[in-house]
N, C-alpha and C. Protein backbone atom coordinates (compact mmCIF):
# COMPACT_ATOMS: atom_id res chain seq x y z
N MET A 1 26.84 50.11 -13.65
CA MET A 1 27.87 49.63 -12.76
C MET A 1 27.29 48.67 -11.88
N SER A 2 27.94 47.50 -11.73
CA SER A 2 27.33 46.46 -10.77
C SER A 2 27.66 46.72 -9.32
N LYS A 3 26.88 46.13 -8.55
CA LYS A 3 26.94 46.35 -7.07
C LYS A 3 28.07 45.44 -6.53
N LYS A 4 28.65 45.92 -5.49
CA LYS A 4 29.70 45.12 -4.79
C LYS A 4 29.15 44.37 -3.62
N GLY A 5 29.69 43.30 -3.26
CA GLY A 5 29.23 42.66 -1.99
C GLY A 5 28.44 41.33 -2.42
N ALA A 6 27.75 40.94 -1.47
CA ALA A 6 26.90 39.70 -1.60
C ALA A 6 25.88 39.89 -2.68
N GLN A 7 25.44 38.85 -3.45
CA GLN A 7 24.34 39.07 -4.26
C GLN A 7 23.01 39.21 -3.62
N LYS A 8 22.19 39.99 -4.12
CA LYS A 8 20.93 40.35 -3.53
C LYS A 8 19.83 39.33 -3.90
N ASN A 9 19.11 38.83 -2.78
CA ASN A 9 17.91 38.17 -2.91
C ASN A 9 18.04 36.78 -3.46
N THR A 10 19.27 36.19 -3.59
CA THR A 10 19.40 34.78 -3.98
C THR A 10 19.04 33.81 -3.10
N LYS A 11 19.28 34.02 -1.72
CA LYS A 11 18.90 32.96 -0.65
C LYS A 11 17.23 32.90 -0.56
N ASN A 12 16.64 34.02 -0.72
CA ASN A 12 15.23 34.04 -0.63
C ASN A 12 14.60 33.34 -1.82
N LYS A 13 15.09 33.51 -2.97
CA LYS A 13 14.58 32.93 -4.30
C LYS A 13 14.84 31.43 -4.13
N ALA A 14 15.89 31.06 -3.75
CA ALA A 14 16.22 29.51 -3.59
C ALA A 14 15.22 28.94 -2.63
N LYS A 15 14.89 29.61 -1.50
CA LYS A 15 14.09 29.03 -0.52
C LYS A 15 12.69 29.04 -0.93
N HIS A 16 12.26 30.03 -1.81
CA HIS A 16 10.98 30.04 -2.29
C HIS A 16 10.80 29.00 -3.30
N SER A 17 11.90 28.68 -4.23
CA SER A 17 11.77 27.61 -5.25
C SER A 17 11.61 26.39 -4.54
N LYS A 18 12.36 26.07 -3.44
CA LYS A 18 12.30 24.91 -2.67
C LYS A 18 10.85 24.58 -2.09
N LEU A 19 10.38 25.68 -1.47
CA LEU A 19 9.02 25.51 -0.93
C LEU A 19 7.85 25.32 -2.01
N MET A 20 8.09 26.04 -3.09
CA MET A 20 7.09 25.83 -4.22
C MET A 20 7.22 24.39 -4.74
N ALA A 21 8.38 23.92 -4.90
CA ALA A 21 8.52 22.44 -5.39
C ALA A 21 7.95 21.48 -4.41
N ARG A 22 8.08 21.83 -3.22
CA ARG A 22 7.49 20.83 -2.17
C ARG A 22 6.08 20.92 -2.24
N LYS A 23 5.50 22.09 -2.39
CA LYS A 23 4.02 22.27 -2.58
C LYS A 23 3.48 21.49 -3.71
N VAL A 24 4.10 21.65 -4.85
CA VAL A 24 3.64 20.95 -6.06
C VAL A 24 3.75 19.48 -6.06
N ASN A 25 4.81 19.01 -5.36
CA ASN A 25 5.00 17.50 -5.12
C ASN A 25 3.96 17.04 -4.18
N LYS A 26 3.56 17.75 -3.18
CA LYS A 26 2.65 17.35 -2.18
C LYS A 26 1.11 17.27 -2.86
N GLN A 27 0.93 18.25 -3.85
CA GLN A 27 -0.35 18.27 -4.56
C GLN A 27 -0.42 17.14 -5.56
N LYS A 28 0.66 16.82 -6.24
CA LYS A 28 0.65 15.64 -7.11
C LYS A 28 0.41 14.37 -6.27
N ALA A 29 1.04 14.17 -5.16
CA ALA A 29 0.86 13.09 -4.36
C ALA A 29 -0.52 12.88 -3.90
N GLU A 30 -1.15 13.94 -3.48
CA GLU A 30 -2.65 14.00 -3.09
C GLU A 30 -3.50 13.58 -4.19
N LYS A 31 -3.27 14.08 -5.34
CA LYS A 31 -4.07 13.75 -6.54
C LYS A 31 -4.06 12.33 -6.86
N ALA A 32 -2.83 11.82 -6.84
CA ALA A 32 -2.61 10.43 -7.10
C ALA A 32 -3.36 9.55 -6.12
N LEU A 33 -3.28 9.99 -4.87
CA LEU A 33 -3.80 9.19 -3.78
C LEU A 33 -5.40 9.15 -3.96
N ARG A 34 -5.98 10.37 -4.32
CA ARG A 34 -7.36 10.47 -4.52
C ARG A 34 -7.79 9.61 -5.64
N LYS A 35 -7.01 9.62 -6.84
CA LYS A 35 -7.29 8.77 -7.87
C LYS A 35 -7.36 7.36 -7.54
N GLU A 36 -6.33 6.91 -6.78
CA GLU A 36 -6.32 5.46 -6.31
C GLU A 36 -7.50 5.07 -5.49
N ARG A 37 -7.92 5.96 -4.55
CA ARG A 37 -9.07 5.70 -3.63
C ARG A 37 -10.42 5.61 -4.50
N LEU A 38 -10.47 6.55 -5.47
CA LEU A 38 -11.62 6.53 -6.30
C LEU A 38 -11.69 5.29 -7.20
N LYS A 39 -10.48 4.77 -7.74
CA LYS A 39 -10.54 3.61 -8.49
C LYS A 39 -10.95 2.39 -7.57
N GLU A 40 -10.57 2.32 -6.34
CA GLU A 40 -10.99 1.35 -5.42
C GLU A 40 -12.47 1.38 -5.17
N ILE A 41 -13.01 2.52 -4.96
CA ILE A 41 -14.47 2.65 -4.69
C ILE A 41 -15.29 2.19 -6.03
N VAL A 42 -14.79 2.58 -7.15
CA VAL A 42 -15.45 2.13 -8.36
C VAL A 42 -15.33 0.72 -8.54
N LYS A 43 -14.25 0.06 -8.28
CA LYS A 43 -14.08 -1.40 -8.27
C LYS A 43 -15.13 -2.07 -7.42
N ARG A 44 -15.08 -1.61 -6.18
CA ARG A 44 -16.07 -2.23 -5.14
C ARG A 44 -17.52 -2.04 -5.58
N ALA A 45 -17.88 -0.93 -6.22
CA ALA A 45 -19.21 -0.66 -6.61
C ALA A 45 -19.57 -1.57 -7.83
N LYS A 46 -18.63 -1.86 -8.70
CA LYS A 46 -18.83 -2.77 -9.78
C LYS A 46 -19.02 -4.20 -9.33
N GLU A 47 -18.21 -4.63 -8.28
CA GLU A 47 -18.27 -6.02 -7.79
C GLU A 47 -19.61 -6.21 -7.13
N GLU A 48 -20.15 -5.17 -6.30
CA GLU A 48 -21.35 -5.31 -5.63
C GLU A 48 -22.47 -5.26 -6.62
N GLY A 49 -22.35 -4.57 -7.81
CA GLY A 49 -23.42 -4.48 -8.77
C GLY A 49 -23.46 -5.70 -9.57
N ALA A 50 -22.42 -6.47 -9.70
CA ALA A 50 -22.44 -7.79 -10.53
C ALA A 50 -23.03 -8.81 -9.59
N GLN A 51 -22.98 -8.77 -8.32
CA GLN A 51 -23.54 -9.92 -7.48
C GLN A 51 -25.07 -9.82 -7.34
């Protein structure tokens, strides 16, 4: 027999999903930024090594 009234725990689940998505997006952005910085460092090192 189903319960009557408001659904249980849906607001909390939605909030958790939103926060987890935000966390994953932040991690992806930081990873991309790190990769770009590393590429720049490698590029500079190659230029200095060539001279």
